[in-house]
């Protein structure tokens, strides 16, 4: 991201946001719910009737102890600091007992989405392209202030690969990040994601930049294998058919239990990764076509075919009085044309792969999975209520 040409725009926007009331935001969807923290994708309504955005807004409970790094970065950005591989903080203020942070939205895909969408034979090349750049982003985070900022939750879901430049990843979600304190013995208040959390986050000392190095090593393992590391992987020294020996040695060192045995900085780990033998000439990394979920996969094709067959049979029965059950015309038409198709639709939705819908269809995109199911089942209850009423009327 290049800020030089947008500083004045960002500063003007920050002024507008700081004066905007909380209800001026339209919530597009909830991105994450966690204890003490809510992350939303929002748009700012303007006085002219338009909207600005999208933005990412975090609402953090001040009693949770989260979000302190956002306050520090926001103050420094107001003084002119620019961090290339972090989302720019546009607004940071206390409001009704909460810390409200509004940041730029980074269009793209998470590292998890990019890796899981890649074919297994592509992953080593992908890791070779992306992991040194992720280490560079962590190194920038560690050195941007006088005291290092330790992310403490570097996971595949907290690394964004922007659409325009996927090889310049952006680190997101600094909720449990902290600045390193000289002389502190421990700091563990928030564990982070267990698969990527080093021993010191369990209470065995103070986290520092080497804690993020530990997570970076396990991110490299994820990039190569397409799965989160498990405790058994450490027992095998991270041996896996998808992990070349040269990579395994670097990962094992980065993820050593003793911080003193690890690479001491993210920059040192980046150098080790760049020194690994090249697999082949690097090609372009796509974060749009290959990493976007596909709708026309075999699973969805089979579900849609079964749905179509049942609905077609139901429509045939609706126009064939000989197939009607005991009851009036309205009851039979409602049963064949509304009740049965909706029941089959709910069953098909349960069986289908819904990632494409949640990415590309607005109705699903603005709802959490729980809210989607709640709405579908509420409609189903309404359909059953009408069906029961029609049975009662027919019986009368």
Protein backbone atom coordinates (compact mmCIF):
# COMPACT_ATOMS: atom_id res chain seq x y z
CA UNK A 1 0.00 0.00 0.00
CA UNK A 2 1.24 3.48 -0.85
CA UNK A 3 0.20 6.25 1.51
CA UNK A 4 2.15 9.20 0.12
CA UNK A 5 -0.58 10.14 -2.37
CA UNK A 6 -3.48 9.61 0.04
CA UNK A 7 -2.32 11.28 3.27
CA UNK A 8 -4.50 14.37 2.84
CA UNK A 9 -7.54 12.26 1.91
CA UNK A 10 -7.04 10.01 4.94
CA UNK A 11 -6.58 12.99 7.26
CA UNK A 12 -9.74 14.66 5.94
CA UNK A 13 -11.65 11.39 6.23
CA UNK A 14 -10.42 10.90 9.80
CA UNK A 15 -11.83 14.30 10.68
CA UNK A 16 -15.20 13.43 9.17
CA UNK A 17 -15.32 10.07 10.97
CA UNK A 18 -14.43 11.55 14.34
CA UNK A 19 -17.44 13.87 14.09
CA UNK A 20 -19.82 11.14 12.94
CA UNK A 21 -22.25 9.66 15.49
CA UNK A 22 -22.27 5.90 16.03
CA UNK A 23 -25.60 5.49 14.23
CA UNK A 24 -24.12 7.07 11.08
CA UNK A 25 -22.57 3.71 10.25
CA UNK A 26 -24.42 1.06 8.30
CA UNK A 27 -23.28 -2.40 9.31
CA UNK A 28 -22.80 -4.55 6.22
CA UNK A 29 -21.91 -7.70 8.13
CA UNK A 30 -20.18 -9.01 11.23
CA UNK A 31 -16.67 -10.25 10.45
CA UNK A 32 -15.78 -11.65 13.86
CA UNK A 33 -17.20 -12.04 17.35
CA UNK A 34 -14.85 -12.72 20.24
CA UNK A 35 -14.98 -12.17 24.00
CA UNK A 36 -14.63 -8.43 24.55
CA UNK A 37 -14.39 -7.61 20.84
CA UNK A 38 -16.70 -7.22 17.85
CA UNK A 39 -15.41 -6.69 14.29
CA UNK A 40 -17.75 -5.35 11.60
CA UNK A 41 -17.63 -4.31 7.97
CA UNK A 42 -19.32 -0.89 7.87
CA UNK A 43 -20.18 2.02 5.60
CA UNK A 44 -20.45 5.65 6.70
CA UNK A 45 -23.64 7.42 5.65
CA UNK A 46 -23.00 10.93 4.39
CA UNK A 47 -25.17 14.03 4.72
CA UNK A 48 -25.67 14.01 0.94
CA UNK A 49 -27.34 10.59 1.12
CA UNK A 50 -24.38 8.56 -0.13
CA UNK A 51 -21.99 6.24 1.63
CA UNK A 52 -18.25 6.05 2.19
CA UNK A 53 -16.45 2.76 2.67
CA UNK A 54 -16.22 -0.02 3.29
CA UNK A 55 -14.31 0.25 6.57
CA UNK A 56 -13.49 -2.27 9.27
CA UNK A 57 -14.77 -1.21 12.67
CA UNK A 58 -13.75 -2.85 15.93
CA UNK A 59 -15.76 -2.26 19.09
CA UNK A 60 -13.59 -3.35 22.03
CA UNK A 61 -14.65 -3.57 25.67
CA UNK A 62 -12.28 -1.31 27.59
CA UNK A 63 -12.34 -3.71 30.57
CA UNK A 64 -11.07 -6.57 28.39
CA UNK A 65 -7.52 -5.24 28.23
CA UNK A 66 -7.57 -5.49 24.44
CA UNK A 67 -6.75 -2.90 21.80
CA UNK A 68 -3.96 -0.94 23.50
CA UNK A 69 -1.75 -1.16 20.41
CA UNK A 70 -4.45 0.47 18.28
CA UNK A 71 -4.35 3.50 20.59
CA UNK A 72 -0.56 3.75 20.30
CA UNK A 73 -0.53 3.33 16.53
CA UNK A 74 -3.40 5.78 16.02
CA UNK A 75 -1.54 8.45 17.99
CA UNK A 76 1.65 7.88 16.02
CA UNK A 77 -0.17 7.81 12.68
CA UNK A 78 -1.73 11.15 13.61
CA UNK A 79 1.85 12.42 13.99
CA UNK A 80 2.76 11.17 10.51
CA UNK A 81 3.78 7.53 11.00
CA UNK A 82 2.96 5.29 8.03
CA UNK A 83 3.04 1.49 8.34
CA UNK A 84 3.04 -0.17 4.95
CA UNK A 85 1.81 -3.64 5.90
CA UNK A 86 -0.88 -2.78 8.44
CA UNK A 87 -4.36 -1.40 7.72
CA UNK A 88 -4.38 2.34 8.22
CA UNK A 89 -6.23 3.46 11.36
CA UNK A 90 -8.67 6.20 10.42
CA UNK A 91 -10.35 6.72 13.79
CA UNK A 92 -9.70 5.53 17.35
CA UNK A 93 -11.83 6.85 20.20
CA UNK A 94 -13.52 5.90 23.47
CA UNK A 95 -17.27 5.65 23.24
CA UNK A 96 -19.79 4.35 25.83
CA UNK A 97 -17.26 2.25 27.70
CA UNK A 98 -15.78 0.81 24.52
CA UNK A 99 -12.78 1.52 22.34
CA UNK A 100 -13.99 2.08 18.77
CA UNK A 101 -11.38 1.64 16.05
CA UNK A 102 -12.17 2.31 12.38
CA UNK A 103 -9.61 1.12 9.84
CA UNK A 104 -9.29 0.85 6.12
CA UNK A 105 -10.66 -2.32 4.59
CA UNK A 106 -8.07 -4.39 2.73
CA UNK A 107 -9.75 -6.06 -0.27
CA UNK A 108 -8.30 -9.49 -0.84
CA UNK A 109 -8.21 -12.96 0.67
CA UNK A 110 -6.73 -14.39 3.82
CA UNK A 111 -3.64 -16.55 3.70
CA UNK A 112 -5.85 -19.48 4.71
CA UNK A 113 -8.14 -18.95 1.72
CA UNK A 114 -5.21 -18.60 -0.70
CA UNK A 115 -3.43 -21.73 0.55
CA UNK A 116 -6.54 -23.91 0.80
CA UNK A 117 -7.54 -22.96 -2.75
CA UNK A 118 -4.10 -23.83 -4.17
CA UNK A 119 -3.35 -27.28 -5.50
CA UNK A 120 -0.95 -29.31 -3.30
CA UNK A 121 1.79 -29.18 -5.94
CA UNK A 122 1.62 -25.37 -5.91
CA UNK A 123 2.06 -24.91 -2.18
CA UNK A 124 5.84 -25.03 -1.93
CA UNK A 125 6.16 -22.31 -4.55
CA UNK A 126 3.39 -20.36 -2.84
CA UNK A 127 5.17 -20.63 0.52
CA UNK A 128 8.45 -19.52 -1.06
CA UNK A 129 6.75 -16.42 -2.46
CA UNK A 130 4.59 -15.44 0.49
CA UNK A 131 6.32 -16.47 3.72
CA UNK A 132 9.40 -14.18 3.42
CA UNK A 133 6.97 -11.31 2.74
CA UNK A 134 4.89 -12.23 5.81
CA UNK A 135 8.12 -12.20 7.84
CA UNK A 136 8.91 -8.75 6.43
CA UNK A 137 5.47 -7.53 7.54
CA UNK A 138 6.09 -8.89 11.05
CA UNK A 139 9.54 -7.30 11.09
CA UNK A 140 7.98 -3.92 10.21
CA UNK A 141 5.51 -4.36 13.07
CA UNK A 142 8.38 -5.17 15.45
CA UNK A 143 10.45 -2.12 14.50
CA UNK A 144 7.94 0.62 13.70
CA UNK A 145 7.82 1.97 17.28
CA UNK A 146 10.55 2.52 19.85
CA UNK A 147 9.41 -0.66 21.64
CA UNK A 148 8.56 -3.73 19.53
CA UNK A 149 4.90 -4.52 18.92
CA UNK A 150 4.29 -8.25 19.35
CA UNK A 151 1.28 -9.43 17.35
CA UNK A 152 0.68 -12.60 19.45
CA UNK A 153 -1.97 -13.97 17.06
CA UNK A 154 -0.28 -14.55 13.71
CA UNK A 155 -2.54 -17.12 12.07
CA UNK A 156 -3.59 -17.90 8.48
CA UNK A 157 -6.77 -15.91 9.07
CA UNK A 158 -4.92 -12.80 10.26
CA UNK A 159 -2.74 -12.37 7.16
CA UNK A 160 -4.43 -10.67 4.21
CA UNK A 161 -3.17 -11.06 0.64
CA UNK A 162 -4.43 -7.90 -1.13
CA UNK A 163 -6.03 -8.27 -4.55
CA UNK A 164 -3.70 -5.74 -6.16
CA UNK A 165 -0.44 -7.06 -4.71
CA UNK A 166 -0.74 -10.45 -2.97
CA UNK A 167 3.02 -10.62 -2.42
CA UNK A 168 2.79 -7.67 0.00
CA UNK A 169 0.67 -9.26 2.74
CA UNK A 170 -1.04 -7.14 5.37
CA UNK A 171 -1.27 -8.16 9.03
CA UNK A 172 -4.69 -7.65 10.59
CA UNK A 173 -6.36 -8.05 13.99
CA UNK A 174 -4.03 -6.47 16.56
CA UNK A 175 -6.58 -6.97 19.33
CA UNK A 176 -4.27 -8.95 21.63
CA UNK A 177 -1.04 -7.40 20.36
CA UNK A 178 1.15 -5.65 22.93
CA UNK A 179 4.31 -3.60 23.13
CA UNK A 180 7.27 -5.36 24.71
CA UNK A 181 8.18 -4.17 28.22
CA UNK A 182 11.74 -4.38 29.42
CA UNK A 183 12.00 -6.33 32.67
CA UNK A 184 8.52 -7.86 32.65
CA UNK A 185 8.42 -11.54 33.56
CA UNK A 186 5.11 -12.51 31.97
CA UNK A 187 2.20 -10.94 30.14
CA UNK A 188 -0.18 -13.73 29.35
CA UNK A 189 -3.71 -12.39 29.55
CA UNK A 190 -4.92 -13.59 26.13
CA UNK A 191 -3.76 -16.87 24.66
CA UNK A 192 -4.41 -16.31 20.97
CA UNK A 193 -4.92 -19.26 18.61
CA UNK A 194 -3.65 -22.44 20.26
CA UNK A 195 -2.17 -24.05 17.17
CA UNK A 196 0.13 -21.03 16.66
CA UNK A 197 0.68 -19.82 20.25
CA UNK A 198 4.21 -20.29 21.71
CA UNK A 199 4.80 -21.65 25.24
CA UNK A 200 5.34 -18.18 26.68
CA UNK A 201 1.72 -17.31 25.88
CA UNK A 202 0.69 -20.08 28.24
CA UNK A 203 2.42 -18.22 31.10
CA UNK A 204 6.03 -19.36 30.69
CA UNK A 205 7.56 -15.89 30.46
CA UNK A 206 7.04 -12.63 28.58
CA UNK A 207 6.22 -12.67 24.90
CA UNK A 208 8.59 -10.82 22.59
CA UNK A 209 9.40 -10.75 18.88
CA UNK A 210 10.54 -14.37 19.09
CA UNK A 211 6.96 -15.32 19.99
CA UNK A 212 5.87 -14.07 16.58
CA UNK A 213 8.82 -15.94 15.02
CA UNK A 214 7.39 -19.13 16.53
CA UNK A 215 4.01 -18.45 14.89
CA UNK A 216 5.69 -17.56 11.58
CA UNK A 217 7.44 -20.92 11.53
CA UNK A 218 4.11 -22.69 11.97
CA UNK A 219 2.57 -20.49 9.28
CA UNK A 220 5.23 -21.83 6.91
CA UNK A 221 4.17 -25.37 7.89
CA UNK A 222 0.55 -24.44 7.12
CA UNK A 223 1.49 -22.99 3.72
CA UNK A 224 3.22 -26.23 2.73
CA UNK A 225 0.67 -28.72 4.09
CA UNK A 226 -2.61 -26.81 3.85
CA UNK A 227 -3.50 -27.69 7.44
CA UNK A 228 -2.95 -26.27 10.91
CA UNK A 229 -0.07 -27.84 12.87
CA UNK A 230 -0.95 -30.39 15.55
CA UNK A 231 1.04 -31.37 18.68
CA UNK A 232 1.97 -34.65 16.97
CA UNK A 233 3.80 -32.71 14.25
CA UNK A 234 6.31 -31.43 16.80
CA UNK A 235 6.91 -34.99 17.96
CA UNK A 236 7.86 -35.84 14.37
CA UNK A 237 10.07 -32.72 14.07
CA UNK A 238 7.51 -31.40 11.56
CA UNK A 239 8.19 -34.25 9.14
CA UNK A 240 5.43 -34.43 6.54
CA UNK A 241 5.35 -35.57 2.89
CA UNK A 242 4.52 -31.98 1.90
CA UNK A 243 7.44 -30.45 3.85
CA UNK A 244 10.87 -30.66 2.16
CA UNK A 245 13.80 -31.38 4.48
CA UNK A 246 15.29 -27.91 4.01
CA UNK A 247 11.99 -26.30 4.96
CA UNK A 248 11.57 -28.66 7.91
CA UNK A 249 14.88 -27.58 9.41
CA UNK A 250 13.93 -23.90 9.21
CA UNK A 251 10.44 -24.54 10.63
CA UNK A 252 11.82 -26.64 13.50
CA UNK A 253 14.24 -23.90 14.46
CA UNK A 254 11.66 -21.10 14.21
CA UNK A 255 9.16 -23.08 16.30
CA UNK A 256 11.60 -24.28 18.96
CA UNK A 257 10.09 -24.39 22.45
CA UNK A 258 13.03 -22.42 23.88
CA UNK A 259 12.94 -18.83 22.55
CA UNK A 260 16.75 -18.71 22.68
CA UNK A 261 16.93 -21.56 20.14
CA UNK A 262 14.73 -19.78 17.59
CA UNK A 263 15.63 -17.25 14.94
CA UNK A 264 15.90 -14.12 17.04
CA UNK A 265 14.05 -11.80 14.68
CA UNK A 266 11.49 -12.06 11.91
CA UNK A 267 14.07 -10.56 9.56
CA UNK A 268 16.48 -13.40 10.34
CA UNK A 269 13.75 -15.93 9.59
CA UNK A 270 13.01 -14.15 6.30
CA UNK A 271 16.68 -14.49 5.29
CA UNK A 272 16.61 -18.22 6.13
CA UNK A 273 13.49 -18.72 4.02
CA UNK A 274 14.89 -16.81 1.08
CA UNK A 275 18.04 -18.95 1.21
CA UNK A 276 16.06 -22.18 0.70
CA UNK A 277 16.52 -23.98 -2.64
CA UNK A 278 14.13 -22.65 -5.27
CA UNK A 279 11.59 -25.14 -6.59
CA UNK A 280 10.95 -23.53 -9.98
CA UNK A 281 10.59 -20.15 -11.58
CA UNK A 282 7.95 -18.24 -9.60
CA UNK A 283 4.66 -17.55 -11.29
CA UNK A 284 1.92 -15.05 -10.49
CA UNK A 285 -0.12 -15.51 -7.33
CA UNK A 286 -3.85 -15.13 -7.82
CA UNK A 287 -6.14 -14.08 -4.99
CA UNK A 288 -9.22 -13.81 -7.14
CA UNK A 289 -9.94 -16.72 -9.43
CA UNK A 290 -8.13 -19.65 -7.84
CA UNK A 291 -8.73 -18.63 -4.24
CA UNK A 292 -12.37 -17.66 -4.69
CA UNK A 293 -14.78 -20.43 -3.73
CA UNK A 294 -16.40 -22.16 -6.70
CA UNK A 295 -20.15 -22.74 -6.88
CA UNK A 296 -20.22 -25.37 -9.62
CA UNK A 297 -18.42 -28.10 -7.70
CA UNK A 298 -19.63 -31.69 -7.91
CA UNK A 299 -21.24 -31.57 -4.47
CA UNK A 300 -23.41 -28.58 -5.37
CA UNK A 301 -24.26 -30.00 -8.79
CA UNK A 302 -25.61 -33.20 -7.19
CA UNK A 303 -27.58 -31.23 -4.58
CA UNK A 304 -29.11 -28.94 -7.22
CA UNK A 305 -29.98 -31.91 -9.45
CA UNK A 306 -31.77 -33.68 -6.59
CA UNK A 307 -33.57 -30.46 -5.65
CA UNK A 308 -34.69 -29.91 -9.24
CA UNK A 309 -36.03 -33.48 -9.57
CA UNK A 310 -38.09 -33.24 -6.37
CA UNK A 311 -39.47 -29.78 -7.24
CA UNK A 312 -40.35 -30.90 -10.78
CA UNK A 313 -42.22 -33.91 -9.39
CA UNK A 314 -44.03 -31.65 -6.92
CA UNK A 315 -45.10 -29.25 -9.68
CA UNK A 316 -46.33 -32.21 -11.74
CA UNK A 317 -48.41 -33.40 -8.80
CA UNK A 318 -49.79 -29.88 -8.35
CA UNK A 319 -51.21 -29.84 -11.90
CA UNK A 320 -52.43 -33.45 -11.73
CA UNK A 321 -55.59 -33.65 -9.56
CA UNK A 322 -55.32 -37.43 -9.47
CA UNK A 323 -52.19 -37.02 -7.32
CA UNK A 324 -53.84 -34.73 -4.79
CA UNK A 325 -54.26 -35.75 -1.18
CA UNK A 326 -57.58 -35.37 0.64
CA UNK A 327 -58.34 -31.67 0.92
CA UNK A 328 -59.30 -28.61 -1.05
CA UNK A 329 -57.61 -27.10 -4.09
CA UNK A 330 -55.82 -24.38 -2.11
CA UNK A 331 -54.42 -26.89 0.40
CA UNK A 332 -53.05 -29.13 -2.34
CA UNK A 333 -51.54 -26.29 -4.36
CA UNK A 334 -49.94 -24.83 -1.24
CA UNK A 335 -48.54 -28.24 -0.28
CA UNK A 336 -47.07 -29.04 -3.70
CA UNK A 337 -45.93 -25.54 -4.71
CA UNK A 338 -44.84 -24.03 -1.36
CA UNK A 339 -44.44 -26.52 1.49
CA UNK A 340 -42.61 -29.32 -0.28
CA UNK A 341 -40.26 -27.05 -2.34
CA UNK A 342 -39.30 -25.06 0.75
CA UNK A 343 -38.66 -28.19 2.81
CA UNK A 344 -36.45 -29.52 0.02
CA UNK A 345 -34.71 -26.13 -0.29
CA UNK A 346 -33.78 -26.12 3.41
CA UNK A 347 -32.45 -29.67 3.11
CA UNK A 348 -30.48 -28.76 -0.03
CA UNK A 349 -29.03 -25.68 1.68
CA UNK A 350 -27.88 -27.84 4.58
CA UNK A 351 -26.09 -30.25 2.21
CA UNK A 352 -24.59 -27.69 -0.20
CA UNK A 353 -21.18 -26.01 0.02
CA UNK A 354 -22.16 -22.47 1.02
CA UNK A 355 -18.83 -20.62 0.70
CA UNK A 356 -19.63 -19.17 -2.73
CA UNK A 357 -23.03 -17.94 -1.53
CA UNK A 358 -21.50 -16.21 1.50
CA UNK A 359 -18.92 -14.52 -0.70
CA UNK A 360 -21.06 -13.41 -3.64
CA UNK A 361 -24.74 -13.21 -2.60
CA UNK A 362 -25.64 -10.14 -0.55
CA UNK A 363 -28.41 -11.83 1.49
CA UNK A 364 -25.99 -14.46 2.78
CA UNK A 365 -23.02 -12.08 2.99
CA UNK A 366 -24.65 -9.75 5.50
CA UNK A 367 -25.71 -12.59 7.81
CA UNK A 368 -23.72 -14.84 10.07
CA UNK A 369 -24.35 -18.59 9.52
CA UNK A 370 -26.38 -18.70 12.73
CA UNK A 371 -28.56 -15.78 11.63
CA UNK A 372 -29.01 -17.35 8.18
CA UNK A 373 -30.32 -20.57 9.69
CA UNK A 374 -32.50 -18.65 12.12
CA UNK A 375 -34.14 -16.73 9.26
CA UNK A 376 -34.63 -19.85 7.14
CA UNK A 377 -36.22 -21.75 10.03
CA UNK A 378 -38.47 -18.81 10.94
CA UNK A 379 -39.81 -18.80 7.37
CA UNK A 380 -40.27 -22.58 7.61
CA UNK A 381 -42.28 -22.16 10.81
CA UNK A 382 -44.45 -19.60 9.01
CA UNK A 383 -45.01 -22.02 6.13
CA UNK A 384 -46.00 -24.77 8.57
CA UNK A 385 -48.36 -22.37 10.35
CA UNK A 386 -50.15 -21.56 7.08
CA UNK A 387 -50.24 -25.29 6.22
CA UNK A 388 -51.81 -26.09 9.60
CA UNK A 389 -54.37 -23.30 9.14
CA UNK A 390 -55.34 -24.64 5.72
CA UNK A 391 -55.77 -28.16 7.16
CA UNK A 392 -58.01 -26.74 9.89
CA UNK A 393 -60.09 -24.78 7.39
CA UNK A 394 -60.37 -27.83 5.09
CA UNK A 395 -61.41 -30.02 7.99
CA UNK A 396 -64.05 -27.52 9.05
